[in-house]
mmCIF file of all heavy atoms, coordinates in Angstrom:
data_MODEL
# 
_entry.id   MODEL 
# 
loop_
_atom_site.group_PDB 
_atom_site.id 
_atom_site.type_symbol 
_atom_site.label_atom_id 
_atom_site.label_alt_id 
_atom_site.label_comp_id 
_atom_site.label_asym_id 
_atom_site.label_entity_id 
_atom_site.label_seq_id 
_atom_site.pdbx_PDB_ins_code 
_atom_site.Cartn_x 
_atom_site.Cartn_y 
_atom_site.Cartn_z 
_atom_site.occupancy 
_atom_site.B_iso_or_equiv 
_atom_site.pdbx_formal_charge 
_atom_site.auth_seq_id 
_atom_site.auth_comp_id 
_atom_site.auth_asym_id 
_atom_site.auth_atom_id 
_atom_site.pdbx_PDB_model_num 
ATOM 1   N N   . LEU A 1 1  ? -112.331 208.442 -50.005 1.00 0.00 ? 1  LEU A N   1 
ATOM 2   C CA  . LEU A 1 1  ? -112.027 207.168 -50.664 1.00 0.00 ? 1  LEU A CA  1 
ATOM 3   C C   . LEU A 1 1  ? -111.537 207.385 -52.095 1.00 0.00 ? 1  LEU A C   1 
ATOM 4   O O   . LEU A 1 1  ? -110.554 206.786 -52.524 1.00 0.00 ? 1  LEU A O   1 
ATOM 5   C CB  . LEU A 1 1  ? -113.252 206.257 -50.657 1.00 0.00 ? 1  LEU A CB  1 
ATOM 6   C CG  . LEU A 1 1  ? -113.534 205.513 -49.365 1.00 0.00 ? 1  LEU A CG  1 
ATOM 7   C CD1 . LEU A 1 1  ? -114.928 204.906 -49.383 1.00 0.00 ? 1  LEU A CD1 1 
ATOM 8   C CD2 . LEU A 1 1  ? -112.489 204.436 -49.133 1.00 0.00 ? 1  LEU A CD2 1 
ATOM 9   N N   . LEU A 1 2  ? -112.227 208.254 -52.813 1.00 0.00 ? 2  LEU A N   1 
ATOM 10  C CA  . LEU A 1 2  ? -111.865 208.532 -54.203 1.00 0.00 ? 2  LEU A CA  1 
ATOM 11  C C   . LEU A 1 2  ? -110.471 209.147 -54.303 1.00 0.00 ? 2  LEU A C   1 
ATOM 12  O O   . LEU A 1 2  ? -109.625 208.678 -55.072 1.00 0.00 ? 2  LEU A O   1 
ATOM 13  C CB  . LEU A 1 2  ? -112.903 209.466 -54.839 1.00 0.00 ? 2  LEU A CB  1 
ATOM 14  C CG  . LEU A 1 2  ? -112.622 209.906 -56.270 1.00 0.00 ? 2  LEU A CG  1 
ATOM 15  C CD1 . LEU A 1 2  ? -112.815 208.739 -57.215 1.00 0.00 ? 2  LEU A CD1 1 
ATOM 16  C CD2 . LEU A 1 2  ? -113.543 211.054 -56.654 1.00 0.00 ? 2  LEU A CD2 1 
ATOM 17  N N   . LEU A 1 3  ? -110.225 210.186 -53.514 1.00 0.00 ? 3  LEU A N   1 
ATOM 18  C CA  . LEU A 1 3  ? -108.915 210.846 -53.563 1.00 0.00 ? 3  LEU A CA  1 
ATOM 19  C C   . LEU A 1 3  ? -107.812 209.924 -53.038 1.00 0.00 ? 3  LEU A C   1 
ATOM 20  O O   . LEU A 1 3  ? -106.696 209.923 -53.564 1.00 0.00 ? 3  LEU A O   1 
ATOM 21  C CB  . LEU A 1 3  ? -108.954 212.153 -52.780 1.00 0.00 ? 3  LEU A CB  1 
ATOM 22  C CG  . LEU A 1 3  ? -109.840 213.249 -53.381 1.00 0.00 ? 3  LEU A CG  1 
ATOM 23  C CD1 . LEU A 1 3  ? -109.977 214.416 -52.420 1.00 0.00 ? 3  LEU A CD1 1 
ATOM 24  C CD2 . LEU A 1 3  ? -109.306 213.700 -54.724 1.00 0.00 ? 3  LEU A CD2 1 
ATOM 25  N N   . GLY A 1 4  ? -108.112 209.135 -52.005 1.00 0.00 ? 4  GLY A N   1 
ATOM 26  C CA  . GLY A 1 4  ? -107.129 208.179 -51.501 1.00 0.00 ? 4  GLY A CA  1 
ATOM 27  C C   . GLY A 1 4  ? -106.772 207.136 -52.544 1.00 0.00 ? 4  GLY A C   1 
ATOM 28  O O   . GLY A 1 4  ? -105.594 206.793 -52.737 1.00 0.00 ? 4  GLY A O   1 
ATOM 29  N N   . GLY A 1 5  ? -107.784 206.602 -53.232 1.00 0.00 ? 5  GLY A N   1 
ATOM 30  C CA  . GLY A 1 5  ? -107.522 205.637 -54.313 1.00 0.00 ? 5  GLY A CA  1 
ATOM 31  C C   . GLY A 1 5  ? -106.715 206.256 -55.442 1.00 0.00 ? 5  GLY A C   1 
ATOM 32  O O   . GLY A 1 5  ? -105.823 205.614 -56.020 1.00 0.00 ? 5  GLY A O   1 
ATOM 33  N N   . TRP A 1 6  ? -107.006 207.502 -55.751 1.00 0.00 ? 6  TRP A N   1 
ATOM 34  C CA  . TRP A 1 6  ? -106.261 208.207 -56.796 1.00 0.00 ? 6  TRP A CA  1 
ATOM 35  C C   . TRP A 1 6  ? -104.805 208.383 -56.372 1.00 0.00 ? 6  TRP A C   1 
ATOM 36  O O   . TRP A 1 6  ? -103.884 208.221 -57.175 1.00 0.00 ? 6  TRP A O   1 
ATOM 37  C CB  . TRP A 1 6  ? -106.921 209.538 -57.073 1.00 0.00 ? 6  TRP A CB  1 
ATOM 38  C CG  . TRP A 1 6  ? -106.501 210.230 -58.338 1.00 0.00 ? 6  TRP A CG  1 
ATOM 39  C CD1 . TRP A 1 6  ? -105.658 209.757 -59.308 1.00 0.00 ? 6  TRP A CD1 1 
ATOM 40  C CD2 . TRP A 1 6  ? -106.917 211.519 -58.783 1.00 0.00 ? 6  TRP A CD2 1 
ATOM 41  N NE1 . TRP A 1 6  ? -105.520 210.672 -60.316 1.00 0.00 ? 6  TRP A NE1 1 
ATOM 42  C CE2 . TRP A 1 6  ? -106.284 211.768 -60.022 1.00 0.00 ? 6  TRP A CE2 1 
ATOM 43  C CE3 . TRP A 1 6  ? -107.750 212.488 -58.254 1.00 0.00 ? 6  TRP A CE3 1 
ATOM 44  C CZ2 . TRP A 1 6  ? -106.475 212.945 -60.729 1.00 0.00 ? 6  TRP A CZ2 1 
ATOM 45  C CZ3 . TRP A 1 6  ? -107.939 213.657 -58.972 1.00 0.00 ? 6  TRP A CZ3 1 
ATOM 46  C CH2 . TRP A 1 6  ? -107.306 213.879 -60.191 1.00 0.00 ? 6  TRP A CH2 1 
ATOM 47  N N   . LEU A 1 7  ? -104.587 208.682 -55.108 1.00 0.00 ? 7  LEU A N   1 
ATOM 48  C CA  . LEU A 1 7  ? -103.210 208.810 -54.602 1.00 0.00 ? 7  LEU A CA  1 
ATOM 49  C C   . LEU A 1 7  ? -102.440 207.501 -54.745 1.00 0.00 ? 7  LEU A C   1 
ATOM 50  O O   . LEU A 1 7  ? -101.259 207.501 -55.102 1.00 0.00 ? 7  LEU A O   1 
ATOM 51  C CB  . LEU A 1 7  ? -103.207 209.255 -53.137 1.00 0.00 ? 7  LEU A CB  1 
ATOM 52  C CG  . LEU A 1 7  ? -103.504 210.715 -52.874 1.00 0.00 ? 7  LEU A CG  1 
ATOM 53  C CD1 . LEU A 1 7  ? -103.696 210.961 -51.382 1.00 0.00 ? 7  LEU A CD1 1 
ATOM 54  C CD2 . LEU A 1 7  ? -102.391 211.599 -53.427 1.00 0.00 ? 7  LEU A CD2 1 
ATOM 55  N N   . VAL A 1 8  ? -103.111 206.391 -54.471 1.00 0.00 ? 8  VAL A N   1 
ATOM 56  C CA  . VAL A 1 8  ? -102.456 205.090 -54.629 1.00 0.00 ? 8  VAL A CA  1 
ATOM 57  C C   . VAL A 1 8  ? -102.046 204.897 -56.090 1.00 0.00 ? 8  VAL A C   1 
ATOM 58  O O   . VAL A 1 8  ? -100.918 204.476 -56.379 1.00 0.00 ? 8  VAL A O   1 
ATOM 59  C CB  . VAL A 1 8  ? -103.367 203.938 -54.149 1.00 0.00 ? 8  VAL A CB  1 
ATOM 60  C CG1 . VAL A 1 8  ? -102.787 202.585 -54.522 1.00 0.00 ? 8  VAL A CG1 1 
ATOM 61  C CG2 . VAL A 1 8  ? -103.594 204.025 -52.643 1.00 0.00 ? 8  VAL A CG2 1 
ATOM 62  N N   . GLN A 1 9  ? -102.937 205.218 -57.007 1.00 0.00 ? 9  GLN A N   1 
ATOM 63  C CA  . GLN A 1 9  ? -102.619 205.082 -58.433 1.00 0.00 ? 9  GLN A CA  1 
ATOM 64  C C   . GLN A 1 9  ? -101.478 206.015 -58.844 1.00 0.00 ? 9  GLN A C   1 
ATOM 65  O O   . GLN A 1 9  ? -100.583 205.621 -59.587 1.00 0.00 ? 9  GLN A O   1 
ATOM 66  C CB  . GLN A 1 9  ? -103.861 205.364 -59.294 1.00 0.00 ? 9  GLN A CB  1 
ATOM 67  C CG  . GLN A 1 9  ? -104.966 204.366 -59.116 1.00 0.00 ? 9  GLN A CG  1 
ATOM 68  C CD  . GLN A 1 9  ? -104.545 202.958 -59.460 1.00 0.00 ? 9  GLN A CD  1 
ATOM 69  O OE1 . GLN A 1 9  ? -103.861 202.706 -60.427 1.00 0.00 ? 9  GLN A OE1 1 
ATOM 70  N NE2 . GLN A 1 9  ? -104.954 202.017 -58.610 1.00 0.00 ? 9  GLN A NE2 1 
ATOM 71  N N   . LEU A 1 10 ? -101.507 207.237 -58.367 1.00 0.00 ? 10 LEU A N   1 
ATOM 72  C CA  . LEU A 1 10 ? -100.462 208.205 -58.719 1.00 0.00 ? 10 LEU A CA  1 
ATOM 73  C C   . LEU A 1 10 ? -99.119  207.869 -58.079 1.00 0.00 ? 10 LEU A C   1 
ATOM 74  O O   . LEU A 1 10 ? -98.070  208.311 -58.568 1.00 0.00 ? 10 LEU A O   1 
ATOM 75  C CB  . LEU A 1 10 ? -100.886 209.620 -58.302 1.00 0.00 ? 10 LEU A CB  1 
ATOM 76  C CG  . LEU A 1 10 ? -102.053 210.232 -59.080 1.00 0.00 ? 10 LEU A CG  1 
ATOM 77  C CD1 . LEU A 1 10 ? -102.484 211.552 -58.434 1.00 0.00 ? 10 LEU A CD1 1 
ATOM 78  C CD2 . LEU A 1 10 ? -101.684 210.443 -60.541 1.00 0.00 ? 10 LEU A CD2 1 
ATOM 79  N N   . SER A 1 11 ? -99.132  207.087 -57.003 1.00 0.00 ? 11 SER A N   1 
ATOM 80  C CA  . SER A 1 11 ? -97.872  206.763 -56.328 1.00 0.00 ? 11 SER A CA  1 
ATOM 81  C C   . SER A 1 11 ? -97.001  205.822 -57.149 1.00 0.00 ? 11 SER A C   1 
ATOM 82  O O   . SER A 1 11 ? -95.805  205.691 -56.877 1.00 0.00 ? 11 SER A O   1 
ATOM 83  C CB  . SER A 1 11 ? -98.138  206.150 -54.950 1.00 0.00 ? 11 SER A CB  1 
ATOM 84  O OG  . SER A 1 11 ? -98.482  204.784 -55.051 1.00 0.00 ? 11 SER A OG  1 
ATOM 85  N N   . ASP A 1 12 ? -97.556  205.174 -58.159 1.00 0.00 ? 12 ASP A N   1 
ATOM 86  C CA  . ASP A 1 12 ? -96.768  204.270 -59.013 1.00 0.00 ? 12 ASP A CA  1 
ATOM 87  C C   . ASP A 1 12 ? -95.582  204.983 -59.651 1.00 0.00 ? 12 ASP A C   1 
ATOM 88  O O   . ASP A 1 12 ? -94.559  204.358 -59.916 1.00 0.00 ? 12 ASP A O   1 
ATOM 89  C CB  . ASP A 1 12 ? -97.651  203.671 -60.115 1.00 0.00 ? 12 ASP A CB  1 
ATOM 90  C CG  . ASP A 1 12 ? -98.610  202.628 -59.580 1.00 0.00 ? 12 ASP A CG  1 
ATOM 91  O OD1 . ASP A 1 12 ? -98.383  202.139 -58.450 1.00 0.00 ? 12 ASP A OD1 1 
ATOM 92  O OD2 . ASP A 1 12 ? -99.585  202.314 -60.275 1.00 0.00 ? 12 ASP A OD2 1 
ATOM 93  N N   . ASP A 1 13 ? -95.729  206.265 -59.906 1.00 0.00 ? 13 ASP A N   1 
ATOM 94  C CA  . ASP A 1 13 ? -94.666  207.040 -60.556 1.00 0.00 ? 13 ASP A CA  1 
ATOM 95  C C   . ASP A 1 13 ? -93.713  207.683 -59.563 1.00 0.00 ? 13 ASP A C   1 
ATOM 96  O O   . ASP A 1 13 ? -92.838  208.450 -59.949 1.00 0.00 ? 13 ASP A O   1 
ATOM 97  C CB  . ASP A 1 13 ? -95.292  208.140 -61.439 1.00 0.00 ? 13 ASP A CB  1 
ATOM 98  C CG  . ASP A 1 13 ? -96.158  207.564 -62.540 1.00 0.00 ? 13 ASP A CG  1 
ATOM 99  O OD1 . ASP A 1 13 ? -95.906  206.418 -62.958 1.00 0.00 ? 13 ASP A OD1 1 
ATOM 100 O OD2 . ASP A 1 13 ? -97.102  208.252 -62.965 1.00 0.00 ? 13 ASP A OD2 1 
ATOM 101 N N   . ARG A 1 14 ? -93.847  207.364 -58.309 1.00 0.00 ? 14 ARG A N   1 
ATOM 102 C CA  . ARG A 1 14 ? -93.011  207.982 -57.281 1.00 0.00 ? 14 ARG A CA  1 
ATOM 103 C C   . ARG A 1 14 ? -92.018  206.977 -56.727 1.00 0.00 ? 14 ARG A C   1 
ATOM 104 O O   . ARG A 1 14 ? -92.200  205.774 -56.817 1.00 0.00 ? 14 ARG A O   1 
ATOM 105 C CB  . ARG A 1 14 ? -93.883  208.527 -56.145 1.00 0.00 ? 14 ARG A CB  1 
ATOM 106 C CG  . ARG A 1 14 ? -94.865  209.605 -56.615 1.00 0.00 ? 14 ARG A CG  1 
ATOM 107 C CD  . ARG A 1 14 ? -95.758  210.098 -55.509 1.00 0.00 ? 14 ARG A CD  1 
ATOM 108 N NE  . ARG A 1 14 ? -95.029  210.646 -54.390 1.00 0.00 ? 14 ARG A NE  1 
ATOM 109 C CZ  . ARG A 1 14 ? -94.547  211.896 -54.319 1.00 0.00 ? 14 ARG A CZ  1 
ATOM 110 N NH1 . ARG A 1 14 ? -94.721  212.713 -55.334 1.00 0.00 ? 14 ARG A NH1 1 
ATOM 111 N NH2 . ARG A 1 14 ? -93.922  212.317 -53.254 1.00 0.00 ? 14 ARG A NH2 1 
ATOM 112 N N   . ARG A 1 15 ? -90.970  207.503 -56.125 1.00 0.00 ? 15 ARG A N   1 
ATOM 113 C CA  . ARG A 1 15 ? -89.930  206.656 -55.535 1.00 0.00 ? 15 ARG A CA  1 
ATOM 114 C C   . ARG A 1 15 ? -90.496  205.822 -54.379 1.00 0.00 ? 15 ARG A C   1 
ATOM 115 O O   . ARG A 1 15 ? -90.153  204.672 -54.190 1.00 0.00 ? 15 ARG A O   1 
ATOM 116 C CB  . ARG A 1 15 ? -88.778  207.534 -55.042 1.00 0.00 ? 15 ARG A CB  1 
ATOM 117 C CG  . ARG A 1 15 ? -87.573  206.749 -54.570 1.00 0.00 ? 15 ARG A CG  1 
ATOM 118 C CD  . ARG A 1 15 ? -86.462  207.644 -54.060 1.00 0.00 ? 15 ARG A CD  1 
ATOM 119 N NE  . ARG A 1 15 ? -86.785  208.065 -52.692 1.00 0.00 ? 15 ARG A NE  1 
ATOM 120 C CZ  . ARG A 1 15 ? -86.966  209.319 -52.298 1.00 0.00 ? 15 ARG A CZ  1 
ATOM 121 N NH1 . ARG A 1 15 ? -86.830  210.296 -53.146 1.00 0.00 ? 15 ARG A NH1 1 
ATOM 122 N NH2 . ARG A 1 15 ? -87.261  209.609 -51.058 1.00 0.00 ? 15 ARG A NH2 1 
ATOM 123 N N   . ASP A 1 16 ? -91.412  206.409 -53.620 1.00 0.00 ? 16 ASP A N   1 
ATOM 124 C CA  . ASP A 1 16 ? -92.003  205.723 -52.472 1.00 0.00 ? 16 ASP A CA  1 
ATOM 125 C C   . ASP A 1 16 ? -93.395  205.180 -52.811 1.00 0.00 ? 16 ASP A C   1 
ATOM 126 O O   . ASP A 1 16 ? -94.365  205.432 -52.115 1.00 0.00 ? 16 ASP A O   1 
ATOM 127 C CB  . ASP A 1 16 ? -92.063  206.664 -51.273 1.00 0.00 ? 16 ASP A CB  1 
ATOM 128 C CG  . ASP A 1 16 ? -92.818  207.964 -51.568 1.00 0.00 ? 16 ASP A CG  1 
ATOM 129 O OD1 . ASP A 1 16 ? -93.061  208.257 -52.757 1.00 0.00 ? 16 ASP A OD1 1 
ATOM 130 O OD2 . ASP A 1 16 ? -93.172  208.666 -50.608 1.00 0.00 ? 16 ASP A OD2 1 
ATOM 131 N N   . ALA A 1 17 ? -93.485  204.416 -53.900 1.00 0.00 ? 17 ALA A N   1 
ATOM 132 C CA  . ALA A 1 17 ? -94.760  203.869 -54.366 1.00 0.00 ? 17 ALA A CA  1 
ATOM 133 C C   . ALA A 1 17 ? -95.369  202.932 -53.317 1.00 0.00 ? 17 ALA A C   1 
ATOM 134 O O   . ALA A 1 17 ? -94.663  202.283 -52.547 1.00 0.00 ? 17 ALA A O   1 
ATOM 135 C CB  . ALA A 1 17 ? -94.566  203.127 -55.676 1.00 0.00 ? 17 ALA A CB  1 
ATOM 136 N N   . TYR A 1 18 ? -96.682  202.910 -53.277 1.00 0.00 ? 18 TYR A N   1 
ATOM 137 C CA  . TYR A 1 18 ? -97.402  202.010 -52.388 1.00 0.00 ? 18 TYR A CA  1 
ATOM 138 C C   . TYR A 1 18 ? -98.592  201.463 -53.153 1.00 0.00 ? 18 TYR A C   1 
ATOM 139 O O   . TYR A 1 18 ? -98.906  201.914 -54.254 1.00 0.00 ? 18 TYR A O   1 
ATOM 140 C CB  . TYR A 1 18 ? -97.820  202.706 -51.091 1.00 0.00 ? 18 TYR A CB  1 
ATOM 141 C CG  . TYR A 1 18 ? -98.403  204.085 -51.260 1.00 0.00 ? 18 TYR A CG  1 
ATOM 142 C CD1 . TYR A 1 18 ? -99.764  204.257 -51.427 1.00 0.00 ? 18 TYR A CD1 1 
ATOM 143 C CD2 . TYR A 1 18 ? -97.583  205.216 -51.253 1.00 0.00 ? 18 TYR A CD2 1 
ATOM 144 C CE1 . TYR A 1 18 ? -100.306 205.517 -51.580 1.00 0.00 ? 18 TYR A CE1 1 
ATOM 145 C CE2 . TYR A 1 18 ? -98.124  206.483 -51.409 1.00 0.00 ? 18 TYR A CE2 1 
ATOM 146 C CZ  . TYR A 1 18 ? -99.476  206.622 -51.568 1.00 0.00 ? 18 TYR A CZ  1 
ATOM 147 O OH  . TYR A 1 18 ? -100.017 207.870 -51.718 1.00 0.00 ? 18 TYR A OH  1 
ATOM 148 N N   . SER A 1 19 ? -99.284  200.486 -52.568 1.00 0.00 ? 19 SER A N   1 
ATOM 149 C CA  . SER A 1 19 ? -100.383 199.838 -53.278 1.00 0.00 ? 19 SER A CA  1 
ATOM 150 C C   . SER A 1 19 ? -101.535 199.546 -52.326 1.00 0.00 ? 19 SER A C   1 
ATOM 151 O O   . SER A 1 19 ? -101.412 199.697 -51.116 1.00 0.00 ? 19 SER A O   1 
ATOM 152 C CB  . SER A 1 19 ? -99.893  198.527 -53.911 1.00 0.00 ? 19 SER A CB  1 
ATOM 153 O OG  . SER A 1 19 ? -99.691  197.552 -52.901 1.00 0.00 ? 19 SER A OG  1 
ATOM 154 N N   . PHE A 1 20 ? -102.626 199.066 -52.912 1.00 0.00 ? 20 PHE A N   1 
ATOM 155 C CA  . PHE A 1 20 ? -103.792 198.700 -52.106 1.00 0.00 ? 20 PHE A CA  1 
ATOM 156 C C   . PHE A 1 20 ? -103.496 197.496 -51.220 1.00 0.00 ? 20 PHE A C   1 
ATOM 157 O O   . PHE A 1 20 ? -104.220 197.226 -50.279 1.00 0.00 ? 20 PHE A O   1 
ATOM 158 C CB  . PHE A 1 20 ? -104.998 198.409 -53.006 1.00 0.00 ? 20 PHE A CB  1 
ATOM 159 C CG  . PHE A 1 20 ? -105.559 199.647 -53.658 1.00 0.00 ? 20 PHE A CG  1 
ATOM 160 C CD1 . PHE A 1 20 ? -105.346 199.882 -55.008 1.00 0.00 ? 20 PHE A CD1 1 
ATOM 161 C CD2 . PHE A 1 20 ? -106.291 200.559 -52.927 1.00 0.00 ? 20 PHE A CD2 1 
ATOM 162 C CE1 . PHE A 1 20 ? -105.867 201.015 -55.608 1.00 0.00 ? 20 PHE A CE1 1 
ATOM 163 C CE2 . PHE A 1 20 ? -106.804 201.700 -53.512 1.00 0.00 ? 20 PHE A CE2 1 
ATOM 164 C CZ  . PHE A 1 20 ? -106.593 201.933 -54.868 1.00 0.00 ? 20 PHE A CZ  1 
ATOM 165 N N   . GLY A 1 21 ? -102.431 196.769 -51.496 1.00 0.00 ? 21 GLY A N   1 
ATOM 166 C CA  . GLY A 1 21 ? -102.041 195.631 -50.677 1.00 0.00 ? 21 GLY A CA  1 
ATOM 167 C C   . GLY A 1 21 ? -101.292 196.012 -49.414 1.00 0.00 ? 21 GLY A C   1 
ATOM 168 O O   . GLY A 1 21 ? -101.124 195.185 -48.517 1.00 0.00 ? 21 GLY A O   1 
ATOM 169 N N   . ASP A 1 22 ? -100.827 197.247 -49.327 1.00 0.00 ? 22 ASP A N   1 
ATOM 170 C CA  . ASP A 1 22 ? -100.120 197.695 -48.119 1.00 0.00 ? 22 ASP A CA  1 
ATOM 171 C C   . ASP A 1 22 ? -101.114 197.807 -46.968 1.00 0.00 ? 22 ASP A C   1 
ATOM 172 O O   . ASP A 1 22 ? -102.224 198.335 -47.128 1.00 0.00 ? 22 ASP A O   1 
ATOM 173 C CB  . ASP A 1 22 ? -99.446  199.053 -48.357 1.00 0.00 ? 22 ASP A CB  1 
ATOM 174 C CG  . ASP A 1 22 ? -98.290  198.956 -49.351 1.00 0.00 ? 22 ASP A CG  1 
ATOM 175 O OD1 . ASP A 1 22 ? -97.724  197.865 -49.506 1.00 0.00 ? 22 ASP A OD1 1 
ATOM 176 O OD2 . ASP A 1 22 ? -97.959  199.998 -49.959 1.00 0.00 ? 22 ASP A OD2 1 
ATOM 177 N N   . GLY A 1 23 ? -100.692 197.347 -45.794 1.00 0.00 ? 23 GLY A N   1 
ATOM 178 C CA  . GLY A 1 23 ? -101.581 197.302 -44.636 1.00 0.00 ? 23 GLY A CA  1 
ATOM 179 C C   . GLY A 1 23 ? -102.206 198.637 -44.284 1.00 0.00 ? 23 GLY A C   1 
ATOM 180 O O   . GLY A 1 23 ? -103.400 198.722 -43.982 1.00 0.00 ? 23 GLY A O   1 
ATOM 181 N N   . TRP A 1 24 ? -101.414 199.688 -44.316 1.00 0.00 ? 24 TRP A N   1 
ATOM 182 C CA  . TRP A 1 24 ? -101.939 201.000 -43.927 1.00 0.00 ? 24 TRP A CA  1 
ATOM 183 C C   . TRP A 1 24 ? -102.929 201.538 -44.951 1.00 0.00 ? 24 TRP A C   1 
ATOM 184 O O   . TRP A 1 24 ? -103.780 202.360 -44.618 1.00 0.00 ? 24 TRP A O   1 
ATOM 185 C CB  . TRP A 1 24 ? -100.803 201.983 -43.674 1.00 0.00 ? 24 TRP A CB  1 
ATOM 186 C CG  . TRP A 1 24 ? -99.971  202.297 -44.873 1.00 0.00 ? 24 TRP A CG  1 
ATOM 187 C CD1 . TRP A 1 24 ? -98.903  201.601 -45.339 1.00 0.00 ? 24 TRP A CD1 1 
ATOM 188 C CD2 . TRP A 1 24 ? -100.157 203.390 -45.774 1.00 0.00 ? 24 TRP A CD2 1 
ATOM 189 N NE1 . TRP A 1 24 ? -98.406  202.188 -46.476 1.00 0.00 ? 24 TRP A NE1 1 
ATOM 190 C CE2 . TRP A 1 24 ? -99.151  203.298 -46.761 1.00 0.00 ? 24 TRP A CE2 1 
ATOM 191 C CE3 . TRP A 1 24 ? -101.058 204.441 -45.841 1.00 0.00 ? 24 TRP A CE3 1 
ATOM 192 C CZ2 . TRP A 1 24 ? -99.035  204.204 -47.803 1.00 0.00 ? 24 TRP A CZ2 1 
ATOM 193 C CZ3 . TRP A 1 24 ? -100.941 205.357 -46.873 1.00 0.00 ? 24 TRP A CZ3 1 
ATOM 194 C CH2 . TRP A 1 24 ? -99.937  205.231 -47.841 1.00 0.00 ? 24 TRP A CH2 1 
ATOM 195 N N   . VAL A 1 25 ? -102.858 201.039 -46.206 1.00 0.00 ? 25 VAL A N   1 
ATOM 196 C CA  . VAL A 1 25 ? -103.787 201.502 -47.245 1.00 0.00 ? 25 VAL A CA  1 
ATOM 197 C C   . VAL A 1 25 ? -105.120 200.778 -47.132 1.00 0.00 ? 25 VAL A C   1 
ATOM 198 O O   . VAL A 1 25 ? -106.175 201.413 -47.067 1.00 0.00 ? 25 VAL A O   1 
ATOM 199 C CB  . VAL A 1 25 ? -103.174 201.308 -48.654 1.00 0.00 ? 25 VAL A CB  1 
ATOM 200 C CG1 . VAL A 1 25 ? -104.180 201.658 -49.736 1.00 0.00 ? 25 VAL A CG1 1 
ATOM 201 C CG2 . VAL A 1 25 ? -101.906 202.144 -48.810 1.00 0.00 ? 25 VAL A CG2 1 
# 
């Protein structure tokens, strides 16, 4: 959970950003 949440936060700086609102997340 911790590492997954961190990945979501780090994805903001990536071209394929995702968020906690995405269904798969």
